[in-house]
């Protein structure tokens, strides 16, 4: 079983959702800035990594959790990943894609551009964290729904 949280650049919302899912970040409170800085891959994805799934860990139900940035290529990247997995005997039924693009504060996108595109992480990263913290309850809600969905799938096997 494979779960892919995806977003535009694969550096902020998808990493945050995967981190909530894997309990790297809490689901009962808004994390402190230092907690974001400690999670793997937060605000560190490079453009050359777009479209490549990055493994974040395995959850307590045995699902492998990945993040992937897709920019505007969702219609190409998702079928490519599915095709690759099918060629490796992973059926479509064992794969779930979840868009992590929820209601975000605009500062998140601005910070992402400053950090990732302009290479000024010392300015942009704190902006992304500030924005993600404002949207955090929406991300927790999304992850909770995903976990309920996969728990129901798990029970059907």
N, C-alpha and C. Protein backbone atom coordinates (compact mmCIF):
# COMPACT_ATOMS: atom_id res chain seq x y z
N UNK A 1 0.84 -1.18 0.00
CA UNK A 1 0.00 0.00 0.00
C UNK A 1 0.89 1.24 0.00
N UNK A 2 0.55 2.15 -0.92
CA UNK A 2 1.36 3.35 -1.09
C UNK A 2 0.46 4.57 -1.14
N UNK A 3 0.84 5.57 -0.36
CA UNK A 3 0.10 6.83 -0.28
C UNK A 3 1.02 7.96 -0.68
N UNK A 4 0.57 8.77 -1.63
CA UNK A 4 1.34 9.90 -2.12
C UNK A 4 0.61 11.20 -1.79
N UNK A 5 1.19 12.00 -0.90
CA UNK A 5 0.69 13.36 -0.69
C UNK A 5 1.40 14.22 -1.73
N UNK A 6 0.64 14.97 -2.51
CA UNK A 6 1.27 15.78 -3.53
C UNK A 6 0.82 17.23 -3.43
N UNK A 7 1.72 18.10 -3.88
CA UNK A 7 1.44 19.53 -3.91
C UNK A 7 2.24 20.14 -5.06
N UNK A 8 2.30 21.43 -5.09
CA UNK A 8 2.93 22.12 -6.21
C UNK A 8 4.43 21.81 -6.29
N UNK A 9 5.16 22.10 -5.23
CA UNK A 9 6.61 21.94 -5.26
C UNK A 9 7.16 20.79 -4.44
N UNK A 10 6.31 20.14 -3.65
CA UNK A 10 6.77 19.02 -2.84
C UNK A 10 7.62 19.41 -1.66
N UNK A 11 7.55 20.66 -1.26
CA UNK A 11 8.44 21.13 -0.19
C UNK A 11 7.73 21.57 1.08
N UNK A 12 6.42 21.84 1.00
CA UNK A 12 5.76 22.42 2.16
C UNK A 12 4.50 21.67 2.58
N UNK A 13 3.41 21.79 1.83
CA UNK A 13 2.16 21.19 2.30
C UNK A 13 2.18 19.67 2.24
N UNK A 14 2.74 19.10 1.19
CA UNK A 14 2.78 17.63 1.13
C UNK A 14 3.69 17.08 2.22
N UNK A 15 4.81 17.72 2.46
CA UNK A 15 5.73 17.28 3.52
C UNK A 15 5.06 17.44 4.88
N UNK A 16 4.32 18.52 5.07
CA UNK A 16 3.62 18.73 6.34
C UNK A 16 2.56 17.65 6.54
N UNK A 17 1.76 17.38 5.52
CA UNK A 17 0.73 16.33 5.64
C UNK A 17 1.35 14.97 5.93
N UNK A 18 2.39 14.61 5.20
CA UNK A 18 3.06 13.33 5.44
C UNK A 18 3.61 13.28 6.87
N UNK A 19 4.12 14.39 7.34
CA UNK A 19 4.68 14.45 8.69
C UNK A 19 3.60 14.33 9.76
N UNK A 20 2.45 14.91 9.52
CA UNK A 20 1.31 14.74 10.45
C UNK A 20 0.89 13.27 10.41
N UNK A 21 0.77 12.73 9.21
CA UNK A 21 0.33 11.34 9.04
C UNK A 21 1.25 10.37 9.78
N UNK A 22 2.55 10.63 9.74
CA UNK A 22 3.54 9.74 10.34
C UNK A 22 3.88 10.11 11.79
N UNK A 23 3.14 11.07 12.33
CA UNK A 23 3.34 11.54 13.71
C UNK A 23 4.69 12.20 13.94
N UNK A 24 5.29 12.73 12.88
CA UNK A 24 6.49 13.56 13.05
C UNK A 24 6.07 14.94 13.57
N UNK A 25 4.85 15.32 13.22
CA UNK A 25 4.26 16.57 13.72
C UNK A 25 2.97 16.20 14.44
N UNK A 26 2.57 17.01 15.44
CA UNK A 26 1.38 16.68 16.22
C UNK A 26 0.09 16.93 15.44
N UNK A 27 -0.98 16.23 15.84
CA UNK A 27 -2.28 16.49 15.21
C UNK A 27 -3.24 17.16 16.19
N UNK A 28 -2.76 17.49 17.37
CA UNK A 28 -3.63 18.08 18.40
C UNK A 28 -3.25 19.51 18.76
N UNK A 29 -2.26 20.07 18.09
CA UNK A 29 -1.85 21.46 18.34
C UNK A 29 -1.03 21.95 17.16
N UNK A 30 -0.83 23.24 17.09
CA UNK A 30 -0.01 23.82 16.03
C UNK A 30 1.45 23.73 16.47
N UNK A 31 2.30 23.11 15.64
CA UNK A 31 3.70 22.94 16.03
C UNK A 31 4.46 24.26 16.11
N UNK A 32 5.50 24.22 16.89
CA UNK A 32 6.41 25.37 17.00
C UNK A 32 7.29 25.41 15.75
N UNK A 33 7.86 26.55 15.50
CA UNK A 33 8.73 26.72 14.34
C UNK A 33 9.85 25.70 14.32
N UNK A 34 10.46 25.44 15.47
CA UNK A 34 11.58 24.49 15.52
C UNK A 34 11.15 23.08 15.14
N UNK A 35 9.88 22.74 15.36
CA UNK A 35 9.38 21.41 14.99
C UNK A 35 9.33 21.26 13.47
N UNK A 36 8.97 22.32 12.77
CA UNK A 36 8.96 22.28 11.30
C UNK A 36 10.37 22.12 10.77
N UNK A 37 11.31 22.83 11.37
CA UNK A 37 12.69 22.77 10.92
C UNK A 37 13.29 21.38 11.11
N UNK A 38 12.71 20.59 12.01
CA UNK A 38 13.25 19.26 12.32
C UNK A 38 12.70 18.15 11.43
N UNK A 39 11.61 18.41 10.70
CA UNK A 39 11.04 17.33 9.90
C UNK A 39 11.82 17.17 8.59
N UNK A 40 11.90 15.93 8.11
CA UNK A 40 12.69 15.68 6.89
C UNK A 40 12.08 16.36 5.67
N UNK A 41 12.92 16.94 4.87
CA UNK A 41 12.59 17.50 3.56
C UNK A 41 11.79 18.80 3.59
N UNK A 42 11.43 19.33 4.78
CA UNK A 42 10.64 20.55 4.78
C UNK A 42 11.45 21.69 4.16
N UNK A 43 10.89 22.29 3.13
CA UNK A 43 11.48 23.42 2.41
C UNK A 43 12.86 23.08 1.86
N UNK A 44 13.04 21.85 1.45
CA UNK A 44 14.35 21.45 0.94
C UNK A 44 14.30 20.82 -0.46
N UNK A 45 13.12 20.62 -1.02
CA UNK A 45 13.02 20.00 -2.33
C UNK A 45 13.53 20.95 -3.41
N UNK A 46 14.33 20.40 -4.30
CA UNK A 46 14.85 21.17 -5.43
C UNK A 46 13.97 20.93 -6.64
N UNK A 47 14.00 21.84 -7.61
CA UNK A 47 13.20 21.68 -8.83
C UNK A 47 13.51 20.38 -9.55
N UNK A 48 14.75 19.92 -9.51
CA UNK A 48 15.10 18.67 -10.20
C UNK A 48 14.42 17.46 -9.58
N UNK A 49 13.87 17.61 -8.37
CA UNK A 49 13.16 16.52 -7.70
C UNK A 49 11.68 16.46 -8.06
N UNK A 50 11.18 17.46 -8.78
CA UNK A 50 9.76 17.48 -9.15
C UNK A 50 9.39 16.23 -9.92
N UNK A 51 8.26 15.65 -9.56
CA UNK A 51 7.77 14.46 -10.23
C UNK A 51 8.34 13.17 -9.68
N UNK A 52 9.32 13.27 -8.79
CA UNK A 52 9.94 12.08 -8.19
C UNK A 52 9.38 11.88 -6.79
N UNK A 53 8.75 10.74 -6.53
CA UNK A 53 8.26 10.48 -5.18
C UNK A 53 9.42 10.36 -4.20
N UNK A 54 9.22 10.94 -3.02
CA UNK A 54 10.22 10.87 -1.96
C UNK A 54 9.59 10.14 -0.77
N UNK A 55 10.23 9.07 -0.36
CA UNK A 55 9.72 8.24 0.74
C UNK A 55 9.90 8.97 2.07
N UNK A 56 8.81 9.03 2.83
CA UNK A 56 8.84 9.69 4.14
C UNK A 56 8.79 8.70 5.30
N UNK A 57 8.21 7.52 5.08
CA UNK A 57 8.14 6.52 6.15
C UNK A 57 6.95 5.61 5.98
N UNK A 58 6.79 4.69 6.93
CA UNK A 58 5.68 3.74 6.92
C UNK A 58 4.79 4.04 8.12
N UNK A 59 3.47 4.08 7.87
CA UNK A 59 2.55 4.39 8.97
C UNK A 59 2.22 3.13 9.76
N UNK A 60 1.40 3.30 10.79
CA UNK A 60 1.09 2.19 11.69
C UNK A 60 0.16 1.15 11.07
N UNK A 61 -0.39 1.43 9.89
CA UNK A 61 -1.21 0.44 9.19
C UNK A 61 -0.44 -0.23 8.06
N UNK A 62 0.85 0.09 7.94
CA UNK A 62 1.69 -0.54 6.93
C UNK A 62 1.73 0.17 5.59
N UNK A 63 1.17 1.36 5.49
CA UNK A 63 1.21 2.12 4.24
C UNK A 63 2.54 2.85 4.13
N UNK A 64 3.14 2.79 2.96
CA UNK A 64 4.34 3.57 2.67
C UNK A 64 3.88 4.97 2.27
N UNK A 65 4.43 5.97 2.94
CA UNK A 65 4.01 7.35 2.73
C UNK A 65 5.10 8.10 1.95
N UNK A 66 4.66 8.72 0.85
CA UNK A 66 5.56 9.48 -0.02
C UNK A 66 5.04 10.91 -0.18
N UNK A 67 5.94 11.79 -0.60
CA UNK A 67 5.55 13.13 -1.02
C UNK A 67 6.07 13.32 -2.44
N UNK A 68 5.36 14.13 -3.19
CA UNK A 68 5.79 14.41 -4.57
C UNK A 68 5.29 15.80 -4.97
N UNK A 69 6.19 16.57 -5.54
CA UNK A 69 5.82 17.86 -6.12
C UNK A 69 5.51 17.67 -7.59
N UNK A 70 4.46 18.32 -8.06
CA UNK A 70 4.04 18.09 -9.44
C UNK A 70 3.90 19.36 -10.27
N UNK A 71 4.07 20.51 -9.67
CA UNK A 71 3.77 21.77 -10.35
C UNK A 71 2.43 21.62 -11.06
N UNK A 72 2.40 21.86 -12.38
CA UNK A 72 1.15 21.71 -13.13
C UNK A 72 1.08 20.38 -13.88
N UNK A 73 1.93 19.42 -13.52
CA UNK A 73 2.03 18.19 -14.28
C UNK A 73 1.29 17.01 -13.69
N UNK A 74 0.29 17.26 -12.87
CA UNK A 74 -0.45 16.17 -12.23
C UNK A 74 -0.99 15.16 -13.23
N UNK A 75 -1.43 15.63 -14.38
CA UNK A 75 -2.01 14.73 -15.39
C UNK A 75 -0.96 13.85 -16.07
N UNK A 76 0.30 14.15 -15.86
CA UNK A 76 1.37 13.33 -16.40
C UNK A 76 2.04 12.51 -15.29
N UNK A 77 2.30 13.16 -14.16
CA UNK A 77 3.05 12.51 -13.08
C UNK A 77 2.28 11.34 -12.47
N UNK A 78 1.00 11.54 -12.16
CA UNK A 78 0.22 10.47 -11.52
C UNK A 78 0.13 9.24 -12.42
N UNK A 79 -0.24 9.39 -13.70
CA UNK A 79 -0.25 8.19 -14.56
C UNK A 79 1.14 7.54 -14.70
N UNK A 80 2.19 8.33 -14.71
CA UNK A 80 3.54 7.76 -14.81
C UNK A 80 3.87 6.93 -13.57
N UNK A 81 3.53 7.44 -12.40
CA UNK A 81 3.79 6.70 -11.16
C UNK A 81 2.96 5.42 -11.15
N UNK A 82 1.69 5.52 -11.52
CA UNK A 82 0.82 4.34 -11.56
C UNK A 82 1.36 3.30 -12.54
N UNK A 83 1.78 3.76 -13.70
CA UNK A 83 2.34 2.84 -14.70
C UNK A 83 3.59 2.15 -14.17
N UNK A 84 4.45 2.90 -13.53
CA UNK A 84 5.67 2.32 -12.96
C UNK A 84 5.32 1.27 -11.90
N UNK A 85 4.39 1.62 -11.02
CA UNK A 85 4.00 0.68 -9.96
C UNK A 85 3.35 -0.57 -10.54
N UNK A 86 2.49 -0.39 -11.54
CA UNK A 86 1.86 -1.55 -12.20
C UNK A 86 2.91 -2.47 -12.80
N UNK A 87 3.94 -1.88 -13.41
CA UNK A 87 5.02 -2.69 -13.99
C UNK A 87 5.79 -3.46 -12.93
N UNK A 88 5.66 -2.99 -11.68
CA UNK A 88 6.33 -3.65 -10.55
C UNK A 88 5.33 -4.39 -9.66
N UNK A 89 4.23 -4.81 -10.28
CA UNK A 89 3.21 -5.65 -9.62
C UNK A 89 2.52 -4.99 -8.43
N UNK A 90 2.38 -3.68 -8.47
CA UNK A 90 1.59 -2.97 -7.47
C UNK A 90 0.31 -2.53 -8.17
N UNK A 91 -0.82 -3.04 -7.72
CA UNK A 91 -2.08 -2.73 -8.40
C UNK A 91 -2.56 -1.32 -8.03
N UNK A 92 -3.38 -0.77 -8.89
CA UNK A 92 -3.93 0.58 -8.68
C UNK A 92 -4.71 0.64 -7.37
N UNK A 93 -5.28 -0.48 -6.97
CA UNK A 93 -6.07 -0.55 -5.74
C UNK A 93 -5.20 -0.32 -4.49
N UNK A 94 -3.91 -0.55 -4.62
CA UNK A 94 -2.98 -0.40 -3.50
C UNK A 94 -2.32 0.97 -3.44
N UNK A 95 -2.80 1.91 -4.25
CA UNK A 95 -2.17 3.22 -4.37
C UNK A 95 -3.21 4.32 -4.14
N UNK A 96 -2.83 5.33 -3.38
CA UNK A 96 -3.73 6.46 -3.12
C UNK A 96 -2.95 7.76 -3.30
N UNK A 97 -3.53 8.68 -4.07
CA UNK A 97 -2.95 10.02 -4.26
C UNK A 97 -3.83 11.03 -3.56
N UNK A 98 -3.22 11.91 -2.77
CA UNK A 98 -3.97 12.91 -2.02
C UNK A 98 -3.35 14.28 -2.28
N UNK A 99 -4.16 15.20 -2.78
CA UNK A 99 -3.69 16.57 -2.97
C UNK A 99 -3.60 17.26 -1.61
N UNK A 100 -2.43 17.80 -1.34
CA UNK A 100 -2.21 18.50 -0.08
C UNK A 100 -2.41 20.00 -0.23
N UNK A 101 -2.94 20.42 -1.36
CA UNK A 101 -3.19 21.84 -1.59
C UNK A 101 -4.54 22.21 -1.02
N UNK A 102 -4.52 22.64 0.23
CA UNK A 102 -5.74 23.07 0.91
C UNK A 102 -5.67 24.58 1.09
N UNK A 103 -6.60 25.12 1.83
CA UNK A 103 -6.63 26.56 2.06
C UNK A 103 -5.34 27.01 2.72
N UNK A 104 -4.51 27.68 1.93
CA UNK A 104 -3.22 28.14 2.43
C UNK A 104 -3.19 29.66 2.55
N UNK A 105 -2.46 30.13 3.53
CA UNK A 105 -2.23 31.56 3.64
C UNK A 105 -1.29 31.96 2.50
N UNK A 106 -1.54 33.08 1.84
CA UNK A 106 -0.71 33.50 0.70
C UNK A 106 0.78 33.64 1.04
N UNK A 107 1.09 33.91 2.28
CA UNK A 107 2.49 34.03 2.69
C UNK A 107 3.24 32.73 2.45
N UNK A 108 2.54 31.59 2.52
CA UNK A 108 3.19 30.30 2.28
C UNK A 108 3.76 30.26 0.87
N UNK A 109 2.97 30.63 -0.11
CA UNK A 109 3.43 30.61 -1.51
C UNK A 109 4.55 31.62 -1.73
N UNK A 110 4.41 32.80 -1.17
CA UNK A 110 5.45 33.82 -1.33
C UNK A 110 6.75 33.32 -0.70
N UNK A 111 6.65 32.76 0.49
CA UNK A 111 7.84 32.22 1.15
C UNK A 111 8.47 31.09 0.36
N UNK A 112 7.63 30.25 -0.25
CA UNK A 112 8.14 29.16 -1.07
C UNK A 112 8.92 29.67 -2.27
N UNK A 113 8.42 30.70 -2.90
CA UNK A 113 9.12 31.29 -4.05
C UNK A 113 10.45 31.89 -3.61
N UNK A 114 10.43 32.62 -2.50
CA UNK A 114 11.65 33.24 -2.00
C UNK A 114 12.68 32.18 -1.62
N UNK A 115 12.22 31.14 -0.95
CA UNK A 115 13.12 30.09 -0.48
C UNK A 115 13.61 29.18 -1.59
N UNK A 116 12.68 28.59 -2.35
CA UNK A 116 13.05 27.55 -3.31
C UNK A 116 13.49 28.15 -4.65
N UNK A 117 12.76 29.12 -5.17
CA UNK A 117 13.09 29.64 -6.50
C UNK A 117 14.24 30.64 -6.46
N UNK A 118 14.21 31.51 -5.43
CA UNK A 118 15.25 32.53 -5.34
C UNK A 118 16.46 32.08 -4.52
N UNK A 119 16.31 30.95 -3.84
CA UNK A 119 17.43 30.41 -3.06
C UNK A 119 17.71 31.16 -1.76
N UNK A 120 16.72 31.87 -1.27
CA UNK A 120 16.90 32.65 -0.03
C UNK A 120 16.12 32.00 1.11
N UNK A 121 16.54 30.78 1.45
CA UNK A 121 15.81 30.01 2.48
C UNK A 121 15.78 30.73 3.82
N UNK A 122 16.82 31.48 4.14
CA UNK A 122 16.85 32.17 5.43
C UNK A 122 15.75 33.22 5.55
N UNK A 123 15.23 33.67 4.43
CA UNK A 123 14.09 34.60 4.43
C UNK A 123 12.78 33.84 4.18
N UNK A 124 12.78 32.98 3.16
CA UNK A 124 11.57 32.30 2.74
C UNK A 124 11.07 31.22 3.68
N UNK A 125 11.97 30.44 4.27
CA UNK A 125 11.54 29.32 5.13
C UNK A 125 10.71 29.81 6.31
N UNK A 126 11.14 30.84 7.03
CA UNK A 126 10.29 31.33 8.13
C UNK A 126 8.91 31.81 7.64
N UNK A 127 8.87 32.35 6.43
CA UNK A 127 7.58 32.78 5.86
C UNK A 127 6.68 31.57 5.60
N UNK A 128 7.25 30.50 5.04
CA UNK A 128 6.43 29.31 4.77
C UNK A 128 5.92 28.71 6.08
N UNK A 129 6.77 28.66 7.07
CA UNK A 129 6.36 28.10 8.36
C UNK A 129 5.24 28.95 8.97
N UNK A 130 5.40 30.26 8.90
CA UNK A 130 4.36 31.16 9.42
C UNK A 130 3.03 30.88 8.73
N UNK A 131 3.07 30.76 7.39
CA UNK A 131 1.84 30.51 6.63
C UNK A 131 1.26 29.13 6.89
N UNK A 132 2.11 28.11 6.94
CA UNK A 132 1.64 26.74 7.20
C UNK A 132 1.01 26.66 8.59
N UNK A 133 1.60 27.35 9.55
CA UNK A 133 1.03 27.32 10.91
C UNK A 133 -0.38 27.91 10.91
N UNK A 134 -0.64 28.90 10.07
CA UNK A 134 -1.98 29.50 9.99
C UNK A 134 -2.98 28.53 9.36
N UNK A 135 -2.51 27.67 8.46
CA UNK A 135 -3.37 26.71 7.75
C UNK A 135 -3.35 25.32 8.38
N UNK A 136 -2.59 25.15 9.43
CA UNK A 136 -2.34 23.82 10.00
C UNK A 136 -3.61 23.05 10.34
N UNK A 137 -4.64 23.67 10.93
CA UNK A 137 -5.85 22.89 11.22
C UNK A 137 -6.47 22.26 9.97
N UNK A 138 -6.39 22.93 8.83
CA UNK A 138 -6.92 22.37 7.58
C UNK A 138 -6.10 21.15 7.15
N UNK A 139 -4.80 21.21 7.35
CA UNK A 139 -3.93 20.09 6.98
C UNK A 139 -4.19 18.89 7.90
N UNK A 140 -4.38 19.15 9.18
CA UNK A 140 -4.70 18.07 10.13
C UNK A 140 -6.03 17.43 9.75
N UNK A 141 -7.02 18.25 9.40
CA UNK A 141 -8.33 17.73 9.00
C UNK A 141 -8.20 16.83 7.76
N UNK A 142 -7.41 17.27 6.78
CA UNK A 142 -7.19 16.47 5.58
C UNK A 142 -6.56 15.12 5.94
N UNK A 143 -5.51 15.14 6.75
CA UNK A 143 -4.82 13.91 7.12
C UNK A 143 -5.74 12.98 7.90
N UNK A 144 -6.54 13.54 8.80
CA UNK A 144 -7.47 12.71 9.56
C UNK A 144 -8.47 12.01 8.65
N UNK A 145 -8.96 12.72 7.62
CA UNK A 145 -9.88 12.10 6.65
C UNK A 145 -9.19 11.00 5.87
N UNK A 146 -7.94 11.25 5.47
CA UNK A 146 -7.18 10.23 4.73
C UNK A 146 -6.99 9.00 5.60
N UNK A 147 -6.63 9.20 6.86
CA UNK A 147 -6.41 8.06 7.76
C UNK A 147 -7.70 7.27 7.97
N UNK A 148 -8.83 7.96 8.07
CA UNK A 148 -10.12 7.26 8.20
C UNK A 148 -10.40 6.44 6.94
N UNK A 149 -10.10 7.03 5.79
CA UNK A 149 -10.32 6.37 4.51
C UNK A 149 -9.46 5.11 4.40
N UNK A 150 -8.18 5.22 4.74
CA UNK A 150 -7.32 4.04 4.59
C UNK A 150 -7.60 3.01 5.68
N UNK A 151 -8.08 3.44 6.83
CA UNK A 151 -8.48 2.48 7.87
C UNK A 151 -9.66 1.66 7.38
N UNK A 152 -10.60 2.32 6.70
CA UNK A 152 -11.75 1.62 6.14
C UNK A 152 -11.30 0.65 5.04
N UNK A 153 -10.35 1.09 4.21
CA UNK A 153 -9.79 0.20 3.17
C UNK A 153 -9.11 -1.00 3.82
N UNK A 154 -8.36 -0.72 4.87
CA UNK A 154 -7.61 -1.76 5.59
C UNK A 154 -8.57 -2.82 6.14
N UNK A 155 -9.69 -2.34 6.66
CA UNK A 155 -10.69 -3.27 7.24
C UNK A 155 -11.36 -4.12 6.17
N UNK A 156 -11.38 -3.63 4.93
CA UNK A 156 -12.06 -4.37 3.86
C UNK A 156 -11.19 -5.49 3.29
N UNK A 157 -9.92 -5.53 3.65
CA UNK A 157 -9.03 -6.59 3.13
C UNK A 157 -9.11 -7.85 3.95
